[in-house]
Amino acid sequence: MVVENPIITADILNDDLQKINYWANKWLVTFNPAKTESMLISHPTLFMQNQQITEAPEHKLLGMILSSDCSWSAHIKYVTEKAWKRINVMRSLKFTLGRRSLETIYLSSPDLY
């Protein structure tokens, strides 16, 4: 989405965040603005409960790392590092376990993806 006026857009987003806060108070739901981050490609400031939301260059969401520069570098690095950890553990077991057992271990690792 292309934003022509980032200040107006930030005002709209801040208004939406106030509406969410009103809804949360009405339904006794709590949000923690200190644990909330925004990732912006532009530079307007967002607020929730009169507290500035921290800008983050990257954010992990549902196992994917999203970057403010729209690149996949951080996510690819994350997945690669996790895979190498598994592979190194399996290398130490390669003379103890058979190939089928090693494949089962690799494929059943829940936090690899």
PDB file of N, CA and C in Angstrom:
ATOM      1  N   MET A   1       0.832  -1.166   0.000  1.00  0.00           N
ATOM      2  CA  MET A   1       0.000   0.000   0.000  1.00  0.00           C
ATOM      3  C   MET A   1       0.884   1.239   0.000  1.00  0.00           C
ATOM      4  N   VAL A   2       0.625   2.158  -0.861  1.00  0.00           N
ATOM      5  CA  VAL A   2       1.369   3.412  -0.935  1.00  0.00           C
ATOM      6  C   VAL A   2       0.626   4.447  -0.102  1.00  0.00           C
ATOM      7  N   VAL A   3       1.348   5.083   0.796  1.00  0.00           N
ATOM      8  CA  VAL A   3       0.772   6.101   1.660  1.00  0.00           C
ATOM      9  C   VAL A   3       1.276   7.452   1.181  1.00  0.00           C
ATOM     10  N   GLU A   4       0.339   8.320   0.817  1.00  0.00           N
ATOM     11  CA  GLU A   4       0.749   9.631   0.322  1.00  0.00           C
ATOM     12  C   GLU A   4       1.095  10.583   1.445  1.00  0.00           C
ATOM     13  N   ASN A   5       0.415  10.486   2.573  1.00  0.00           N
ATOM     14  CA  ASN A   5       0.700  11.362   3.692  1.00  0.00           C
ATOM     15  C   ASN A   5       0.859  10.516   4.953  1.00  0.00           C
ATOM     16  N   PRO A   6       2.120  10.216   5.358  1.00  0.00           N
ATOM     17  CA  PRO A   6       2.342   9.335   6.502  1.00  0.00           C
ATOM     18  C   PRO A   6       1.790   9.883   7.819  1.00  0.00           C
ATOM     19  N   ILE A   7       1.722  11.197   7.969  1.00  0.00           N
ATOM     20  CA  ILE A   7       1.198  11.780   9.211  1.00  0.00           C
ATOM     21  C   ILE A   7      -0.295  11.493   9.348  1.00  0.00           C
ATOM     22  N   ILE A   8      -1.034  11.674   8.259  1.00  0.00           N
ATOM     23  CA  ILE A   8      -2.475  11.375   8.286  1.00  0.00           C
ATOM     24  C   ILE A   8      -2.698   9.883   8.519  1.00  0.00           C
ATOM     25  N   THR A   9      -1.892   9.055   7.875  1.00  0.00           N
ATOM     26  CA  THR A   9      -2.012   7.606   8.050  1.00  0.00           C
ATOM     27  C   THR A   9      -1.728   7.219   9.490  1.00  0.00           C
ATOM     28  N   ALA A  10      -0.690   7.800  10.095  1.00  0.00           N
ATOM     29  CA  ALA A  10      -0.379   7.518  11.498  1.00  0.00           C
ATOM     30  C   ALA A  10      -1.530   7.953  12.397  1.00  0.00           C
ATOM     31  N   ASP A  11      -2.147   9.108  12.087  1.00  0.00           N
ATOM     32  CA  ASP A  11      -3.302   9.571  12.868  1.00  0.00           C
ATOM     33  C   ASP A  11      -4.449   8.570  12.778  1.00  0.00           C
ATOM     34  N   ILE A  12      -4.690   8.036  11.583  1.00  0.00           N
ATOM     35  CA  ILE A  12      -5.753   7.043  11.392  1.00  0.00           C
ATOM     36  C   ILE A  12      -5.433   5.772  12.189  1.00  0.00           C
ATOM     37  N   LEU A  13      -4.187   5.315  12.102  1.00  0.00           N
ATOM     38  CA  LEU A  13      -3.794   4.116  12.850  1.00  0.00           C
ATOM     39  C   LEU A  13      -3.897   4.346  14.357  1.00  0.00           C
ATOM     40  N   ASN A  14      -3.454   5.517  14.828  1.00  0.00           N
ATOM     41  CA  ASN A  14      -3.559   5.823  16.255  1.00  0.00           C
ATOM     42  C   ASN A  14      -5.024   5.875  16.694  1.00  0.00           C
ATOM     43  N   ASP A  15      -5.895   6.412  15.842  1.00  0.00           N
ATOM     44  CA  ASP A  15      -7.329   6.426  16.143  1.00  0.00           C
ATOM     45  C   ASP A  15      -7.863   4.997  16.237  1.00  0.00           C
ATOM     46  N   ASP A  16      -7.447   4.132  15.318  1.00  0.00           N
ATOM     47  CA  ASP A  16      -7.864   2.727  15.362  1.00  0.00           C
ATOM     48  C   ASP A  16      -7.361   2.047  16.641  1.00  0.00           C
ATOM     49  N   LEU A  17      -6.127   2.357  17.037  1.00  0.00           N
ATOM     50  CA  LEU A  17      -5.593   1.779  18.270  1.00  0.00           C
ATOM     51  C   LEU A  17      -6.379   2.253  19.490  1.00  0.00           C
ATOM     52  N   GLN A  18      -6.847   3.493  19.476  1.00  0.00           N
ATOM     53  CA  GLN A  18      -7.691   3.990  20.568  1.00  0.00           C
ATOM     54  C   GLN A  18      -9.027   3.246  20.596  1.00  0.00           C
ATOM     55  N   LYS A  19      -9.581   2.954  19.429  1.00  0.00           N
ATOM     56  CA  LYS A  19     -10.835   2.193  19.356  1.00  0.00           C
ATOM     57  C   LYS A  19     -10.639   0.782  19.888  1.00  0.00           C
ATOM     58  N   ILE A  20      -9.494   0.171  19.543  1.00  0.00           N
ATOM     59  CA  ILE A  20      -9.181  -1.165  20.058  1.00  0.00           C
ATOM     60  C   ILE A  20      -9.063  -1.116  21.573  1.00  0.00           C
ATOM     61  N   ASN A  21      -8.422  -0.080  22.093  1.00  0.00           N
ATOM     62  CA  ASN A  21      -8.272   0.076  23.540  1.00  0.00           C
ATOM     63  C   ASN A  21      -9.631   0.251  24.218  1.00  0.00           C
ATOM     64  N   TYR A  22     -10.519   1.041  23.611  1.00  0.00           N
ATOM     65  CA  TYR A  22     -11.870   1.220  24.152  1.00  0.00           C
ATOM     66  C   TYR A  22     -12.596  -0.129  24.194  1.00  0.00           C
ATOM     67  N   TRP A  23     -12.528  -0.875  23.097  1.00  0.00           N
ATOM     68  CA  TRP A  23     -13.152  -2.197  23.024  1.00  0.00           C
ATOM     69  C   TRP A  23     -12.579  -3.118  24.099  1.00  0.00           C
ATOM     70  N   ALA A  24     -11.244  -3.090  24.260  1.00  0.00           N
ATOM     71  CA  ALA A  24     -10.588  -3.960  25.243  1.00  0.00           C
ATOM     72  C   ALA A  24     -11.047  -3.626  26.659  1.00  0.00           C
ATOM     73  N   ASN A  25     -11.153  -2.338  26.970  1.00  0.00           N
ATOM     74  CA  ASN A  25     -11.613  -1.943  28.299  1.00  0.00           C
ATOM     75  C   ASN A  25     -13.054  -2.378  28.538  1.00  0.00           C
ATOM     76  N   LYS A  26     -13.893  -2.248  27.517  1.00  0.00           N
ATOM     77  CA  LYS A  26     -15.303  -2.640  27.631  1.00  0.00           C
ATOM     78  C   LYS A  26     -15.444  -4.132  27.887  1.00  0.00           C
ATOM     79  N   TRP A  27     -14.624  -4.946  27.216  1.00  0.00           N
ATOM     80  CA  TRP A  27     -14.737  -6.403  27.316  1.00  0.00           C
ATOM     81  C   TRP A  27     -13.702  -7.022  28.258  1.00  0.00           C
ATOM     82  N   LEU A  28     -13.041  -6.185  29.054  1.00  0.00           N
ATOM     83  CA  LEU A  28     -12.064  -6.630  30.062  1.00  0.00           C
ATOM     84  C   LEU A  28     -10.919  -7.440  29.460  1.00  0.00           C
ATOM     85  N   VAL A  29     -10.462  -6.989  28.295  1.00  0.00           N
ATOM     86  CA  VAL A  29      -9.303  -7.591  27.626  1.00  0.00           C
ATOM     87  C   VAL A  29      -8.131  -6.646  27.833  1.00  0.00           C
ATOM     88  N   THR A  30      -6.961  -7.200  28.136  1.00  0.00           N
ATOM     89  CA  THR A  30      -5.798  -6.333  28.338  1.00  0.00           C
ATOM     90  C   THR A  30      -4.772  -6.547  27.242  1.00  0.00           C
ATOM     91  N   PHE A  31      -4.209  -5.453  26.798  1.00  0.00           N
ATOM     92  CA  PHE A  31      -3.102  -5.464  25.849  1.00  0.00           C
ATOM     93  C   PHE A  31      -1.929  -4.805  26.543  1.00  0.00           C
ATOM     94  N   ASN A  32      -0.733  -5.211  26.193  1.00  0.00           N
ATOM     95  CA  ASN A  32       0.462  -4.627  26.794  1.00  0.00           C
ATOM     96  C   ASN A  32       1.212  -3.838  25.724  1.00  0.00           C
ATOM     97  N   PRO A  33       1.095  -2.504  25.735  1.00  0.00           N
ATOM     98  CA  PRO A  33       1.779  -1.707  24.722  1.00  0.00           C
ATOM     99  C   PRO A  33       3.298  -1.829  24.797  1.00  0.00           C
ATOM    100  N   ALA A  34       3.819  -2.171  25.966  1.00  0.00           N
ATOM    101  CA  ALA A  34       5.275  -2.333  26.099  1.00  0.00           C
ATOM    102  C   ALA A  34       5.764  -3.556  25.322  1.00  0.00           C
ATOM    103  N   LYS A  35       4.877  -4.517  25.078  1.00  0.00           N
ATOM    104  CA  LYS A  35       5.248  -5.712  24.317  1.00  0.00           C
ATOM    105  C   LYS A  35       4.778  -5.622  22.871  1.00  0.00           C
ATOM    106  N   THR A  36       4.281  -4.470  22.479  1.00  0.00           N
ATOM    107  CA  THR A  36       3.772  -4.262  21.130  1.00  0.00           C
ATOM    108  C   THR A  36       4.817  -3.553  20.292  1.00  0.00           C
ATOM    109  N   GLU A  37       4.969  -3.982  19.066  1.00  0.00           N
ATOM    110  CA  GLU A  37       5.928  -3.356  18.154  1.00  0.00           C
ATOM    111  C   GLU A  37       5.219  -3.013  16.852  1.00  0.00           C
ATOM    112  N   SER A  38       5.719  -1.994  16.205  1.00  0.00           N
ATOM    113  CA  SER A  38       5.245  -1.688  14.863  1.00  0.00           C
ATOM    114  C   SER A  38       6.442  -1.746  13.927  1.00  0.00           C
ATOM    115  N   MET A  39       6.199  -2.149  12.723  1.00  0.00           N
ATOM    116  CA  MET A  39       7.262  -2.173  11.732  1.00  0.00           C
ATOM    117  C   MET A  39       6.796  -1.300  10.577  1.00  0.00           C
ATOM    118  N   LEU A  40       7.448  -0.189  10.443  1.00  0.00           N
ATOM    119  CA  LEU A  40       7.038   0.779   9.438  1.00  0.00           C
ATOM    120  C   LEU A  40       8.149   0.980   8.427  1.00  0.00           C
ATOM    121  N   ILE A  41       7.747   1.160   7.204  1.00  0.00           N
ATOM    122  CA  ILE A  41       8.721   1.475   6.172  1.00  0.00           C
ATOM    123  C   ILE A  41       8.914   2.984   6.131  1.00  0.00           C
ATOM    124  N   SER A  42       7.960   3.731   6.631  1.00  0.00           N
ATOM    125  CA  SER A  42       8.096   5.181   6.767  1.00  0.00           C
ATOM    126  C   SER A  42       8.359   5.499   8.240  1.00  0.00           C
ATOM    127  N   HIS A  43       8.242   6.758   8.640  1.00  0.00           N
ATOM    128  CA  HIS A  43       8.651   7.106   9.996  1.00  0.00           C
ATOM    129  C   HIS A  43       7.626   7.776  10.893  1.00  0.00           C
ATOM    130  N   PRO A  44       6.323   7.620  10.706  1.00  0.00           N
ATOM    131  CA  PRO A  44       5.406   8.220  11.673  1.00  0.00           C
ATOM    132  C   PRO A  44       5.427   7.451  12.991  1.00  0.00           C
ATOM    133  N   THR A  45       5.044   8.118  14.060  1.00  0.00           N
ATOM    134  CA  THR A  45       5.043   7.510  15.388  1.00  0.00           C
ATOM    135  C   THR A  45       3.635   7.028  15.720  1.00  0.00           C
ATOM    136  N   LEU A  46       3.544   5.808  16.258  1.00  0.00           N
ATOM    137  CA  LEU A  46       2.262   5.246  16.665  1.00  0.00           C
ATOM    138  C   LEU A  46       2.206   5.166  18.188  1.00  0.00           C
ATOM    139  N   PHE A  47       0.992   5.320  18.736  1.00  0.00           N
ATOM    140  CA  PHE A  47       0.799   5.294  20.176  1.00  0.00           C
ATOM    141  C   PHE A  47      -0.334   4.346  20.535  1.00  0.00           C
ATOM    142  N   MET A  48      -0.202   3.686  21.694  1.00  0.00           N
ATOM    143  CA  MET A  48      -1.270   2.864  22.253  1.00  0.00           C
ATOM    144  C   MET A  48      -1.326   3.178  23.737  1.00  0.00           C
ATOM    145  N   GLN A  49      -2.478   3.543  24.238  1.00  0.00           N
ATOM    146  CA  GLN A  49      -2.659   3.949  25.629  1.00  0.00           C
ATOM    147  C   GLN A  49      -1.664   5.051  26.006  1.00  0.00           C
ATOM    148  N   ASN A  50      -1.508   6.014  25.123  1.00  0.00           N
ATOM    149  CA  ASN A  50      -0.589   7.155  25.298  1.00  0.00           C
ATOM    150  C   ASN A  50       0.869   6.742  25.469  1.00  0.00           C
ATOM    151  N   GLN A  51       1.209   5.553  25.028  1.00  0.00           N
ATOM    152  CA  GLN A  51       2.589   5.067  25.099  1.00  0.00           C
ATOM    153  C   GLN A  51       3.072   4.804  23.677  1.00  0.00           C
ATOM    154  N   GLN A  52       4.256   5.344  23.358  1.00  0.00           N
ATOM    155  CA  GLN A  52       4.794   5.169  22.008  1.00  0.00           C
ATOM    156  C   GLN A  52       5.116   3.700  21.762  1.00  0.00           C
ATOM    157  N   ILE A  53       4.688   3.195  20.605  1.00  0.00           N
ATOM    158  CA  ILE A  53       4.962   1.806  20.234  1.00  0.00           C
ATOM    159  C   ILE A  53       6.368   1.740  19.647  1.00  0.00           C
ATOM    160  N   THR A  54       7.152   0.793  20.130  1.00  0.00           N
ATOM    161  CA  THR A  54       8.534   0.616  19.702  1.00  0.00           C
ATOM    162  C   THR A  54       8.591   0.203  18.234  1.00  0.00           C
ATOM    163  N   GLU A  55       9.454   0.850  17.473  1.00  0.00           N
ATOM    164  CA  GLU A  55       9.674   0.445  16.084  1.00  0.00           C
ATOM    165  C   GLU A  55      10.706  -0.665  16.051  1.00  0.00           C
ATOM    166  N   ALA A  56      10.442  -1.695  15.288  1.00  0.00           N
ATOM    167  CA  ALA A  56      11.356  -2.824  15.181  1.00  0.00           C
ATOM    168  C   ALA A  56      11.760  -3.019  13.725  1.00  0.00           C
ATOM    169  N   PRO A  57      13.045  -3.299  13.474  1.00  0.00           N
ATOM    170  CA  PRO A  57      13.469  -3.544  12.098  1.00  0.00           C
ATOM    171  C   PRO A  57      12.986  -4.897  11.569  1.00  0.00           C
ATOM    172  N   GLU A  58      12.691  -5.819  12.500  1.00  0.00           N
ATOM    173  CA  GLU A  58      12.165  -7.130  12.118  1.00  0.00           C
ATOM    174  C   GLU A  58      11.208  -7.599  13.195  1.00  0.00           C
ATOM    175  N   HIS A  59      10.329  -8.524  12.806  1.00  0.00           N
ATOM    176  CA  HIS A  59       9.353  -9.068  13.746  1.00  0.00           C
ATOM    177  C   HIS A  59       9.029 -10.500  13.337  1.00  0.00           C
ATOM    178  N   LYS A  60       9.029 -11.411  14.317  1.00  0.00           N
ATOM    179  CA  LYS A  60       8.696 -12.801  14.042  1.00  0.00           C
ATOM    180  C   LYS A  60       7.200 -12.989  14.256  1.00  0.00           C
ATOM    181  N   LEU A  61       6.529 -13.488  13.237  1.00  0.00           N
ATOM    182  CA  LEU A  61       5.091 -13.691  13.274  1.00  0.00           C
ATOM    183  C   LEU A  61       4.765 -15.042  12.661  1.00  0.00           C
ATOM    184  N   LEU A  62       4.179 -15.911  13.450  1.00  0.00           N
ATOM    185  CA  LEU A  62       3.801 -17.251  12.995  1.00  0.00           C
ATOM    186  C   LEU A  62       4.985 -17.998  12.372  1.00  0.00           C
ATOM    187  N   GLY A  63       6.154 -17.856  12.994  1.00  0.00           N
ATOM    188  CA  GLY A  63       7.340 -18.566  12.538  1.00  0.00           C
ATOM    189  C   GLY A  63       8.087 -17.912  11.392  1.00  0.00           C
ATOM    190  N   MET A  64       7.583 -16.796  10.899  1.00  0.00           N
ATOM    191  CA  MET A  64       8.260 -16.076   9.813  1.00  0.00           C
ATOM    192  C   MET A  64       8.814 -14.772  10.338  1.00  0.00           C
ATOM    193  N   ILE A  65      10.003 -14.420   9.892  1.00  0.00           N
ATOM    194  CA  ILE A  65      10.583 -13.143  10.269  1.00  0.00           C
ATOM    195  C   ILE A  65      10.313 -12.156   9.143  1.00  0.00           C
ATOM    196  N   LEU A  66       9.547 -11.117   9.480  1.00  0.00           N
ATOM    197  CA  LEU A  66       9.230 -10.058   8.530  1.00  0.00           C
ATOM    198  C   LEU A  66      10.172  -8.896   8.789  1.00  0.00           C
ATOM    199  N   SER A  67      10.740  -8.319   7.736  1.00  0.00           N
ATOM    200  CA  SER A  67      11.694  -7.221   7.865  1.00  0.00           C
ATOM    201  C   SER A  67      11.104  -5.935   7.312  1.00  0.00           C
ATOM    202  N   SER A  68      11.466  -4.820   7.947  1.00  0.00           N
ATOM    203  CA  SER A  68      10.947  -3.530   7.488  1.00  0.00           C
ATOM    204  C   SER A  68      11.482  -3.155   6.112  1.00  0.00           C
ATOM    205  N   ASP A  69      12.611  -3.757   5.703  1.00  0.00           N
ATOM    206  CA  ASP A  69      13.146  -3.470   4.367  1.00  0.00           C
ATOM    207  C   ASP A  69      12.578  -4.427   3.307  1.00  0.00           C
ATOM    208  N   CYS A  70      11.605  -5.251   3.717  1.00  0.00           N
ATOM    209  CA  CYS A  70      10.910  -6.193   2.821  1.00  0.00           C
ATOM    210  C   CYS A  70      11.831  -7.243   2.215  1.00  0.00           C
ATOM    211  N   SER A  71      12.953  -7.526   2.853  1.00  0.00           N
ATOM    212  CA  SER A  71      13.837  -8.586   2.351  1.00  0.00           C
ATOM    213  C   SER A  71      13.588  -9.865   3.152  1.00  0.00           C
ATOM    214  N   TRP A  72      14.042 -10.975   2.626  1.00  0.00           N
ATOM    215  CA  TRP A  72      13.888 -12.270   3.289  1.00  0.00           C
ATOM    216  C   TRP A  72      15.170 -12.690   3.990  1.00  0.00           C
ATOM    217  N   SER A  73      16.181 -11.841   4.013  1.00  0.00           N
ATOM    218  CA  SER A  73      17.497 -12.209   4.561  1.00  0.00           C
ATOM    219  C   SER A  73      17.420 -12.715   5.994  1.00  0.00           C
ATOM    220  N   ALA A  74      16.732 -11.998   6.877  1.00  0.00           N
ATOM    221  CA  ALA A  74      16.657 -12.392   8.286  1.00  0.00           C
ATOM    222  C   ALA A  74      15.943 -13.730   8.441  1.00  0.00           C
ATOM    223  N   HIS A  75      14.868 -13.946   7.688  1.00  0.00           N
ATOM    224  CA  HIS A  75      14.131 -15.202   7.794  1.00  0.00           C
ATOM    225  C   HIS A  75      14.967 -16.371   7.269  1.00  0.00           C
ATOM    226  N   ILE A  76      15.631 -16.169   6.143  1.00  0.00           N
ATOM    227  CA  ILE A  76      16.464 -17.230   5.571  1.00  0.00           C
ATOM    228  C   ILE A  76      17.603 -17.572   6.524  1.00  0.00           C
ATOM    229  N   LYS A  77      18.218 -16.562   7.119  1.00  0.00           N
ATOM    230  CA  LYS A  77      19.297 -16.796   8.092  1.00  0.00           C
ATOM    231  C   LYS A  77      18.773 -17.593   9.293  1.00  0.00           C
ATOM    232  N   TYR A  78      17.596 -17.232   9.790  1.00  0.00           N
ATOM    233  CA  TYR A  78      16.980 -17.911  10.930  1.00  0.00           C
ATOM    234  C   TYR A  78      16.730 -19.391  10.625  1.00  0.00           C
ATOM    235  N   VAL A  79      16.127 -19.673   9.474  1.00  0.00           N
ATOM    236  CA  VAL A  79      15.818 -21.056   9.097  1.00  0.00           C
ATOM    237  C   VAL A  79      17.103 -21.849   8.868  1.00  0.00           C
ATOM    238  N   THR A  80      18.069 -21.231   8.219  1.00  0.00           N
ATOM    239  CA  THR A  80      19.341 -21.901   7.944  1.00  0.00           C
ATOM    240  C   THR A  80      20.065 -22.270   9.231  1.00  0.00           C
ATOM    241  N   GLU A  81      20.112 -21.333  10.189  1.00  0.00           N
ATOM    242  CA  GLU A  81      20.778 -21.611  11.467  1.00  0.00           C
ATOM    243  C   GLU A  81      20.103 -22.749  12.211  1.00  0.00           C
ATOM    244  N   LYS A  82      18.773 -22.772  12.213  1.00  0.00           N
ATOM    245  CA  LYS A  82      18.049 -23.856  12.881  1.00  0.00           C
ATOM    246  C   LYS A  82      18.321 -25.196  12.199  1.00  0.00           C
ATOM    247  N   ALA A  83      18.360 -25.190  10.883  1.00  0.00           N
ATOM    248  CA  ALA A  83      18.615 -26.437  10.153  1.00  0.00           C
ATOM    249  C   ALA A  83      20.029 -26.941  10.427  1.00  0.00           C
ATOM    250  N   TRP A  84      21.014 -26.043  10.437  1.00  0.00           N
ATOM    251  CA  TRP A  84      22.387 -26.459  10.704  1.00  0.00           C
ATOM    252  C   TRP A  84      22.537 -27.038  12.104  1.00  0.00           C
ATOM    253  N   LYS A  85      21.825 -26.509  13.082  1.00  0.00           N
ATOM    254  CA  LYS A  85      21.863 -27.084  14.435  1.00  0.00           C
ATOM    255  C   LYS A  85      21.389 -28.528  14.405  1.00  0.00           C
ATOM    256  N   ARG A  86      20.269 -28.785  13.701  1.00  0.00           N
ATOM    257  CA  ARG A  86      19.747 -30.151  13.595  1.00  0.00           C
ATOM    258  C   ARG A  86      20.742 -31.065  12.877  1.00  0.00           C
ATOM    259  N   ILE A  87      21.275 -30.556  11.778  1.00  0.00           N
ATOM    260  CA  ILE A  87      22.197 -31.366  10.977  1.00  0.00           C
ATOM    261  C   ILE A  87      23.449 -31.720  11.790  1.00  0.00           C
ATOM    262  N   ASN A  88      23.963 -30.768  12.551  1.00  0.00           N
ATOM    263  CA  ASN A  88      25.157 -31.049  13.360  1.00  0.00           C
ATOM    264  C   ASN A  88      24.886 -32.091  14.434  1.00  0.00           C
ATOM    265  N   VAL A  89      23.707 -32.061  15.027  1.00  0.00           N
ATOM    266  CA  VAL A  89      23.342 -33.093  16.006  1.00  0.00           C
ATOM    267  C   VAL A  89      23.252 -34.444  15.307  1.00  0.00           C
ATOM    268  N   MET A  90      22.649 -34.446  14.123  1.00  0.00           N
ATOM    269  CA  MET A  90      22.506 -35.702  13.395  1.00  0.00           C
ATOM    270  C   MET A  90      23.852 -36.237  12.927  1.00  0.00           C
ATOM    271  N   ARG A  91      24.795 -35.343  12.600  1.00  0.00           N
ATOM    272  CA  ARG A  91      26.127 -35.796  12.201  1.00  0.00           C
ATOM    273  C   ARG A  91      26.796 -36.592  13.316  1.00  0.00           C
ATOM    274  N   SER A  92      26.594 -36.130  14.552  1.00  0.00           N
ATOM    275  CA  SER A  92      27.212 -36.840  15.672  1.00  0.00           C
ATOM    276  C   SER A  92      26.567 -38.209  15.888  1.00  0.00           C
ATOM    277  N   LEU A  93      25.349 -38.399  15.376  1.00  0.00           N
ATOM    278  CA  LEU A  93      24.642 -39.676  15.533  1.00  0.00           C
ATOM    279  C   LEU A  93      24.712 -40.563  14.289  1.00  0.00           C
ATOM    280  N   LYS A  94      25.363 -40.106  13.233  1.00  0.00           N
ATOM    281  CA  LYS A  94      25.287 -40.830  11.963  1.00  0.00           C
ATOM    282  C   LYS A  94      25.917 -42.219  12.005  1.00  0.00           C
ATOM    283  N   PHE A  95      26.864 -42.464  12.918  1.00  0.00           N
ATOM    284  CA  PHE A  95      27.468 -43.796  13.009  1.00  0.00           C
ATOM    285  C   PHE A  95      26.731 -44.665  14.019  1.00  0.00           C
ATOM    286  N   THR A  96      25.809 -44.044  14.781  1.00  0.00           N
ATOM    287  CA  THR A  96      25.055 -44.773  15.794  1.00  0.00           C
ATOM    288  C   THR A  96      23.680 -45.184  15.275  1.00  0.00           C
ATOM    289  N   LEU A  97      23.053 -44.308  14.514  1.00  0.00           N
ATOM    290  CA  LEU A  97      21.698 -44.561  14.008  1.00  0.00           C
ATOM    291  C   LEU A  97      21.711 -44.755  12.493  1.00  0.00           C
ATOM    292  N   GLY A  98      20.707 -45.440  12.003  1.00  0.00           N
ATOM    293  CA  GLY A  98      20.571 -45.636  10.567  1.00  0.00           C
ATOM    294  C   GLY A  98      19.951 -44.421   9.895  1.00  0.00           C
ATOM    295  N   ARG A  99      20.020 -44.401   8.570  1.00  0.00           N
ATOM    296  CA  ARG A  99      19.500 -43.275   7.795  1.00  0.00           C
ATOM    297  C   ARG A  99      18.015 -43.032   8.059  1.00  0.00           C
ATOM    298  N   ARG A 100      17.256 -44.100   8.131  1.00  0.00           N
ATOM    299  CA  ARG A 100      15.815 -43.956   8.352  1.00  0.00           C
ATOM    300  C   ARG A 100      15.519 -43.289   9.701  1.00  0.00           C
ATOM    301  N   SER A 101      16.244 -43.678  10.726  1.00  0.00           N
ATOM    302  CA  SER A 101      16.072 -43.063  12.049  1.00  0.00           C
ATOM    303  C   SER A 101      16.463 -41.591  12.013  1.00  0.00           C
ATOM    304  N   LEU A 102      17.549 -41.275  11.312  1.00  0.00           N
ATOM    305  CA  LEU A 102      17.982 -39.882  11.198  1.00  0.00           C
ATOM    306  C   LEU A 102      16.942 -39.045  10.449  1.00  0.00           C
ATOM    307  N   GLU A 103      16.361 -39.595   9.400  1.00  0.00           N
ATOM    308  CA  GLU A 103      15.310 -38.885   8.665  1.00  0.00           C
ATOM    309  C   GLU A 103      14.099 -38.637   9.547  1.00  0.00           C
ATOM    310  N   THR A 104      13.737 -39.640  10.347  1.00  0.00           N
ATOM    311  CA  THR A 104      12.600 -39.493  11.256  1.00  0.00           C
ATOM    312  C   THR A 104      12.862 -38.390  12.268  1.00  0.00           C
ATOM    313  N   ILE A 105      14.058 -38.347  12.827  1.00  0.00           N
ATOM    314  CA  ILE A 105      14.415 -37.300  13.790  1.00  0.00           C
ATOM    315  C   ILE A 105      14.333 -35.935  13.126  1.00  0.00           C
ATOM    316  N   TYR A 106      14.896 -35.819  11.940  1.00  0.00           N
ATOM    317  CA  TYR A 106      14.914 -34.527  11.243  1.00  0.00           C
ATOM    318  C   TYR A 106      13.507 -34.053  10.914  1.00  0.00           C
ATOM    319  N   LEU A 107      12.686 -34.942  10.389  1.00  0.00           N
ATOM    320  CA  LEU A 107      11.335 -34.568   9.959  1.00  0.00           C
ATOM    321  C   LEU A 107      10.367 -34.357  11.117  1.00  0.00           C
ATOM    322  N   SER A 108      10.660 -34.923  12.280  1.00  0.00           N
ATOM    323  CA  SER A 108       9.747 -34.778  13.408  1.00  0.00           C
ATOM    324  C   SER A 108      10.147 -33.638  14.339  1.00  0.00           C
ATOM    325  N   SER A 109      11.158 -32.879  14.006  1.00  0.00           N
ATOM    326  CA  SER A 109      11.577 -31.749  14.839  1.00  0.00           C
ATOM    327  C   SER A 109      10.564 -30.622  14.674  1.00  0.00           C
ATOM    328  N   PRO A 110       9.765 -30.341  15.717  1.00  0.00           N
ATOM    329  CA  PRO A 110       8.658 -29.389  15.574  1.00  0.00           C
ATOM    330  C   PRO A 110       9.089 -27.949  15.383  1.00  0.00           C
ATOM    331  N   ASP A 111      10.232 -27.547  15.899  1.00  0.00           N
ATOM    332  CA  ASP A 111      10.592 -26.132  15.810  1.00  0.00           C
ATOM    333  C   ASP A 111      11.544 -25.831  14.661  1.00  0.00           C
ATOM    334  N   LEU A 112      11.681 -26.728  13.714  1.00  0.00           N
ATOM    335  CA  LEU A 112      12.566 -26.472  12.580  1.00  0.00           C
ATOM    336  C   LEU A 112      11.948 -25.473  11.609  1.00  0.00           C
ATOM    337  N   TYR A 113      10.644 -25.523  11.439  1.00  0.00           N
ATOM    338  CA  TYR A 113       9.988 -24.653  10.458  1.00  0.00           C
ATOM    339  C   TYR A 113       9.375 -23.440  11.102  1.00  0.00           C
TER     340      TYR A 113
END
